[in-house]
């Protein structure tokens, strides 16, 4: 949050640009590599399929939202609630466990129920985050993040597991 005073914005932008150049370079390399007997890491023609393109877009938006949430949440736990980085990380273990345990099951559920699995997962995550928000909002300052995390995070975690059926 104090990066401008420490002079890191320039190298941050350079890293972002380097990442974009690397992804473009991978695309060029994979396009040139396509010859009989080889299989590209990511066939460019896959992006011509609407289902694949929409799936990639949904996964990108989902990932951006989750990363944004966890960045703000970690800063709040450490700066607002006084948690150490380790303790703030442990708080989110139940979320990770929920996604880890439900991801393998989501593939079979997607075959059986189709797109309803994605909708159910999104609703489960929204409900879980609403539950977290209510738990934080109702607790007094300084104790907001204590005591309820396994219950609250197990709800959004399984919801994130259903997103893996996109792949």
C-alpha atoms as a PDB file:
ATOM      1  CA  UNK A   1       0.000   0.000   0.000  1.00  0.00           C
ATOM      2  CA  UNK A   2       3.025   2.275   0.345  1.00  0.00           C
ATOM      3  CA  UNK A   3       4.674   1.327  -2.930  1.00  0.00           C
ATOM      4  CA  UNK A   4       4.853   4.791  -4.383  1.00  0.00           C
ATOM      5  CA  UNK A   5       6.987   5.971  -1.479  1.00  0.00           C
ATOM      6  CA  UNK A   6       9.312   2.988  -1.987  1.00  0.00           C
ATOM      7  CA  UNK A   7       9.646   3.472  -5.738  1.00  0.00           C
ATOM      8  CA  UNK A   8       8.291   0.146  -6.974  1.00  0.00           C
ATOM      9  CA  UNK A   9       5.625   1.193  -9.484  1.00  0.00           C
ATOM     10  CA  UNK A  10       8.106   1.237 -12.373  1.00  0.00           C
ATOM     11  CA  UNK A  11       9.336  -2.302 -11.817  1.00  0.00           C
ATOM     12  CA  UNK A  12       5.759  -3.436 -11.174  1.00  0.00           C
ATOM     13  CA  UNK A  13       4.701  -2.153 -14.599  1.00  0.00           C
ATOM     14  CA  UNK A  14       7.802  -3.695 -16.166  1.00  0.00           C
ATOM     15  CA  UNK A  15       6.864  -7.081 -14.666  1.00  0.00           C
ATOM     16  CA  UNK A  16       3.313  -6.789 -16.019  1.00  0.00           C
ATOM     17  CA  UNK A  17       4.639  -5.904 -19.474  1.00  0.00           C
ATOM     18  CA  UNK A  18       7.135  -8.780 -19.324  1.00  0.00           C
ATOM     19  CA  UNK A  19       4.281 -11.144 -18.484  1.00  0.00           C
ATOM     20  CA  UNK A  20       2.262  -9.948 -21.488  1.00  0.00           C
ATOM     21  CA  UNK A  21       5.297 -10.293 -23.771  1.00  0.00           C
ATOM     22  CA  UNK A  22       5.931 -13.799 -22.424  1.00  0.00           C
ATOM     23  CA  UNK A  23       2.345 -14.892 -23.082  1.00  0.00           C
ATOM     24  CA  UNK A  24       2.507 -13.441 -26.620  1.00  0.00           C
ATOM     25  CA  UNK A  25       5.848 -15.183 -27.145  1.00  0.00           C
ATOM     26  CA  UNK A  26       4.358 -18.485 -26.006  1.00  0.00           C
ATOM     27  CA  UNK A  27       1.533 -18.033 -28.508  1.00  0.00           C
ATOM     28  CA  UNK A  28       3.975 -17.379 -31.370  1.00  0.00           C
ATOM     29  CA  UNK A  29       6.168 -20.306 -30.323  1.00  0.00           C
ATOM     30  CA  UNK A  30       3.211 -22.698 -30.105  1.00  0.00           C
ATOM     31  CA  UNK A  31       1.849 -21.553 -33.498  1.00  0.00           C
ATOM     32  CA  UNK A  32       5.214 -22.186 -35.173  1.00  0.00           C
ATOM     33  CA  UNK A  33       5.715 -25.479 -33.365  1.00  0.00           C
ATOM     34  CA  UNK A  34       2.553 -27.007 -34.832  1.00  0.00           C
ATOM     35  CA  UNK A  35       3.713 -29.742 -37.183  1.00  0.00           C
ATOM     36  CA  UNK A  36       2.834 -33.401 -37.613  1.00  0.00           C
ATOM     37  CA  UNK A  37       3.785 -35.514 -34.642  1.00  0.00           C
ATOM     38  CA  UNK A  38       3.766 -32.669 -32.104  1.00  0.00           C
ATOM     39  CA  UNK A  39       1.032 -31.466 -29.829  1.00  0.00           C
ATOM     40  CA  UNK A  40       1.012 -27.777 -28.836  1.00  0.00           C
ATOM     41  CA  UNK A  41       0.579 -26.850 -25.203  1.00  0.00           C
ATOM     42  CA  UNK A  42      -2.508 -24.786 -26.066  1.00  0.00           C
ATOM     43  CA  UNK A  43      -3.822 -25.107 -29.626  1.00  0.00           C
ATOM     44  CA  UNK A  44      -4.715 -21.629 -30.935  1.00  0.00           C
ATOM     45  CA  UNK A  45      -7.695 -23.038 -32.805  1.00  0.00           C
ATOM     46  CA  UNK A  46      -9.299 -23.924 -29.454  1.00  0.00           C
ATOM     47  CA  UNK A  47     -10.079 -20.231 -28.994  1.00  0.00           C
ATOM     48  CA  UNK A  48     -12.270 -20.454 -32.100  1.00  0.00           C
ATOM     49  CA  UNK A  49     -14.672 -22.673 -30.164  1.00  0.00           C
ATOM     50  CA  UNK A  50     -17.254 -20.512 -28.370  1.00  0.00           C
ATOM     51  CA  UNK A  51     -17.540 -22.887 -25.400  1.00  0.00           C
ATOM     52  CA  UNK A  52     -13.774 -22.813 -24.841  1.00  0.00           C
ATOM     53  CA  UNK A  53     -13.486 -19.036 -25.228  1.00  0.00           C
ATOM     54  CA  UNK A  54     -16.382 -18.366 -22.856  1.00  0.00           C
ATOM     55  CA  UNK A  55     -14.990 -20.895 -20.385  1.00  0.00           C
ATOM     56  CA  UNK A  56     -11.597 -19.183 -20.398  1.00  0.00           C
ATOM     57  CA  UNK A  57     -13.268 -15.781 -19.941  1.00  0.00           C
ATOM     58  CA  UNK A  58     -15.383 -17.028 -17.026  1.00  0.00           C
ATOM     59  CA  UNK A  59     -12.335 -18.597 -15.386  1.00  0.00           C
ATOM     60  CA  UNK A  60     -10.364 -15.364 -15.858  1.00  0.00           C
ATOM     61  CA  UNK A  61     -13.107 -13.259 -14.268  1.00  0.00           C
ATOM     62  CA  UNK A  62     -13.520 -15.765 -11.435  1.00  0.00           C
ATOM     63  CA  UNK A  63      -9.781 -15.773 -10.749  1.00  0.00           C
ATOM     64  CA  UNK A  64      -9.554 -11.971 -10.808  1.00  0.00           C
ATOM     65  CA  UNK A  65     -12.435 -11.696  -8.357  1.00  0.00           C
ATOM     66  CA  UNK A  66     -10.985 -14.286  -5.992  1.00  0.00           C
ATOM     67  CA  UNK A  67      -7.510 -12.777  -6.075  1.00  0.00           C
ATOM     68  CA  UNK A  68      -8.915  -9.321  -5.456  1.00  0.00           C
ATOM     69  CA  UNK A  69     -10.991 -10.557  -2.541  1.00  0.00           C
ATOM     70  CA  UNK A  70      -8.118 -12.400  -0.886  1.00  0.00           C
ATOM     71  CA  UNK A  71      -5.730  -9.474  -1.307  1.00  0.00           C
ATOM     72  CA  UNK A  72      -8.124  -7.089   0.408  1.00  0.00           C
ATOM     73  CA  UNK A  73      -9.071  -9.703   2.997  1.00  0.00           C
ATOM     74  CA  UNK A  74      -5.435 -10.448   3.896  1.00  0.00           C
ATOM     75  CA  UNK A  75      -4.650  -6.736   4.214  1.00  0.00           C
ATOM     76  CA  UNK A  76      -7.721  -6.279   6.433  1.00  0.00           C
ATOM     77  CA  UNK A  77      -6.860  -9.253   8.657  1.00  0.00           C
ATOM     78  CA  UNK A  78      -3.294  -8.067   9.150  1.00  0.00           C
ATOM     79  CA  UNK A  79      -3.790  -4.304   9.232  1.00  0.00           C
ATOM     80  CA  UNK A  80      -7.269  -4.064  10.713  1.00  0.00           C
ATOM     81  CA  UNK A  81      -7.399  -7.086  12.986  1.00  0.00           C
ATOM     82  CA  UNK A  82      -3.708  -7.332  13.899  1.00  0.00           C
ATOM     83  CA  UNK A  83      -3.171 -10.867  12.580  1.00  0.00           C
ATOM     84  CA  UNK A  84       0.287 -12.099  11.662  1.00  0.00           C
ATOM     85  CA  UNK A  85       0.739 -13.199   8.030  1.00  0.00           C
ATOM     86  CA  UNK A  86       0.789 -16.841   9.159  1.00  0.00           C
ATOM     87  CA  UNK A  87      -2.413 -16.501  11.165  1.00  0.00           C
ATOM     88  CA  UNK A  88      -4.140 -14.674   8.303  1.00  0.00           C
ATOM     89  CA  UNK A  89      -3.153 -17.559   6.012  1.00  0.00           C
ATOM     90  CA  UNK A  90      -4.419 -20.180   8.444  1.00  0.00           C
ATOM     91  CA  UNK A  91      -7.775 -18.375   8.580  1.00  0.00           C
ATOM     92  CA  UNK A  92      -8.337 -19.220   4.912  1.00  0.00           C
ATOM     93  CA  UNK A  93      -7.365 -22.915   5.127  1.00  0.00           C
ATOM     94  CA  UNK A  94     -10.988 -24.049   5.418  1.00  0.00           C
ATOM     95  CA  UNK A  95     -11.772 -22.232   2.171  1.00  0.00           C
ATOM     96  CA  UNK A  96      -8.942 -24.021   0.396  1.00  0.00           C
ATOM     97  CA  UNK A  97      -9.951 -27.354   1.890  1.00  0.00           C
ATOM     98  CA  UNK A  98     -13.526 -26.899   0.679  1.00  0.00           C
ATOM     99  CA  UNK A  99     -12.391 -26.247  -2.880  1.00  0.00           C
ATOM    100  CA  UNK A 100      -9.855 -29.081  -2.739  1.00  0.00           C
ATOM    101  CA  UNK A 101     -12.404 -31.617  -1.516  1.00  0.00           C
ATOM    102  CA  UNK A 102     -15.204 -30.677  -3.907  1.00  0.00           C
ATOM    103  CA  UNK A 103     -13.227 -30.124  -7.135  1.00  0.00           C
ATOM    104  CA  UNK A 104     -12.884 -33.854  -7.935  1.00  0.00           C
ATOM    105  CA  UNK A 105     -16.617 -34.408  -7.386  1.00  0.00           C
ATOM    106  CA  UNK A 106     -17.640 -31.468  -9.558  1.00  0.00           C
ATOM    107  CA  UNK A 107     -16.674 -33.203 -12.794  1.00  0.00           C
ATOM    108  CA  UNK A 108     -19.163 -36.025 -12.202  1.00  0.00           C
ATOM    109  CA  UNK A 109     -21.815 -33.552 -11.096  1.00  0.00           C
ATOM    110  CA  UNK A 110     -21.261 -31.499 -14.259  1.00  0.00           C
ATOM    111  CA  UNK A 111     -21.836 -34.587 -16.405  1.00  0.00           C
ATOM    112  CA  UNK A 112     -25.020 -35.398 -14.509  1.00  0.00           C
ATOM    113  CA  UNK A 113     -26.501 -31.909 -14.048  1.00  0.00           C
ATOM    114  CA  UNK A 114     -24.751 -29.819 -16.729  1.00  0.00           C
ATOM    115  CA  UNK A 115     -24.523 -26.074 -16.300  1.00  0.00           C
ATOM    116  CA  UNK A 116     -26.618 -26.149 -13.140  1.00  0.00           C
ATOM    117  CA  UNK A 117     -23.451 -27.124 -11.259  1.00  0.00           C
ATOM    118  CA  UNK A 118     -21.832 -23.797 -12.165  1.00  0.00           C
ATOM    119  CA  UNK A 119     -24.902 -21.869 -11.050  1.00  0.00           C
ATOM    120  CA  UNK A 120     -25.138 -23.840  -7.815  1.00  0.00           C
ATOM    121  CA  UNK A 121     -21.436 -23.267  -7.140  1.00  0.00           C
ATOM    122  CA  UNK A 122     -21.775 -19.539  -7.769  1.00  0.00           C
ATOM    123  CA  UNK A 123     -24.791 -19.332  -5.457  1.00  0.00           C
ATOM    124  CA  UNK A 124     -22.982 -21.334  -2.781  1.00  0.00           C
ATOM    125  CA  UNK A 125     -19.982 -19.013  -3.000  1.00  0.00           C
ATOM    126  CA  UNK A 126     -22.150 -15.886  -2.923  1.00  0.00           C
ATOM    127  CA  UNK A 127     -23.997 -17.219   0.103  1.00  0.00           C
ATOM    128  CA  UNK A 128     -20.737 -18.107   1.823  1.00  0.00           C
ATOM    129  CA  UNK A 129     -19.259 -14.676   1.227  1.00  0.00           C
ATOM    130  CA  UNK A 130     -22.482 -13.114   2.462  1.00  0.00           C
ATOM    131  CA  UNK A 131     -22.170 -15.247   5.576  1.00  0.00           C
ATOM    132  CA  UNK A 132     -18.580 -14.074   6.076  1.00  0.00           C
ATOM    133  CA  UNK A 133     -19.670 -10.467   5.630  1.00  0.00           C
ATOM    134  CA  UNK A 134     -22.462 -10.878   8.179  1.00  0.00           C
ATOM    135  CA  UNK A 135     -20.101 -12.547  10.666  1.00  0.00           C
ATOM    136  CA  UNK A 136     -17.598  -9.705  10.303  1.00  0.00           C
ATOM    137  CA  UNK A 137     -20.263  -7.007  10.428  1.00  0.00           C
ATOM    138  CA  UNK A 138     -21.917  -8.358  13.602  1.00  0.00           C
ATOM    139  CA  UNK A 139     -18.761  -8.811  15.673  1.00  0.00           C
ATOM    140  CA  UNK A 140     -17.138  -6.019  17.693  1.00  0.00           C
ATOM    141  CA  UNK A 141     -13.988  -4.401  16.309  1.00  0.00           C
ATOM    142  CA  UNK A 142     -10.810  -6.297  17.166  1.00  0.00           C
ATOM    143  CA  UNK A 143     -12.663  -9.605  17.511  1.00  0.00           C
ATOM    144  CA  UNK A 144     -14.378  -9.711  14.136  1.00  0.00           C
ATOM    145  CA  UNK A 145     -12.162 -12.360  12.622  1.00  0.00           C
ATOM    146  CA  UNK A 146     -12.083 -14.750  15.573  1.00  0.00           C
ATOM    147  CA  UNK A 147     -13.910 -17.974  16.188  1.00  0.00           C
ATOM    148  CA  UNK A 148     -16.169 -18.455  13.182  1.00  0.00           C
ATOM    149  CA  UNK A 149     -13.876 -19.064  10.255  1.00  0.00           C
ATOM    150  CA  UNK A 150     -14.196 -22.773   9.652  1.00  0.00           C
ATOM    151  CA  UNK A 151     -17.980 -22.539   9.481  1.00  0.00           C
ATOM    152  CA  UNK A 152     -17.944 -19.399   7.367  1.00  0.00           C
ATOM    153  CA  UNK A 153     -15.224 -20.413   4.922  1.00  0.00           C
ATOM    154  CA  UNK A 154     -16.394 -23.961   4.353  1.00  0.00           C
ATOM    155  CA  UNK A 155     -19.398 -22.542   2.524  1.00  0.00           C
ATOM    156  CA  UNK A 156     -17.580 -20.581  -0.215  1.00  0.00           C
ATOM    157  CA  UNK A 157     -14.873 -23.241  -0.520  1.00  0.00           C
ATOM    158  CA  UNK A 158     -17.086 -25.975  -1.977  1.00  0.00           C
ATOM    159  CA  UNK A 159     -18.577 -23.385  -4.297  1.00  0.00           C
ATOM    160  CA  UNK A 160     -15.138 -22.756  -5.741  1.00  0.00           C
ATOM    161  CA  UNK A 161     -14.741 -26.483  -6.302  1.00  0.00           C
ATOM    162  CA  UNK A 162     -17.621 -26.483  -8.759  1.00  0.00           C
ATOM    163  CA  UNK A 163     -15.776 -24.014 -10.989  1.00  0.00           C
ATOM    164  CA  UNK A 164     -13.212 -26.692 -11.791  1.00  0.00           C
ATOM    165  CA  UNK A 165     -15.764 -28.527 -13.909  1.00  0.00           C
ATOM    166  CA  UNK A 166     -15.108 -25.866 -16.566  1.00  0.00           C
ATOM    167  CA  UNK A 167     -11.914 -27.738 -17.301  1.00  0.00           C
END
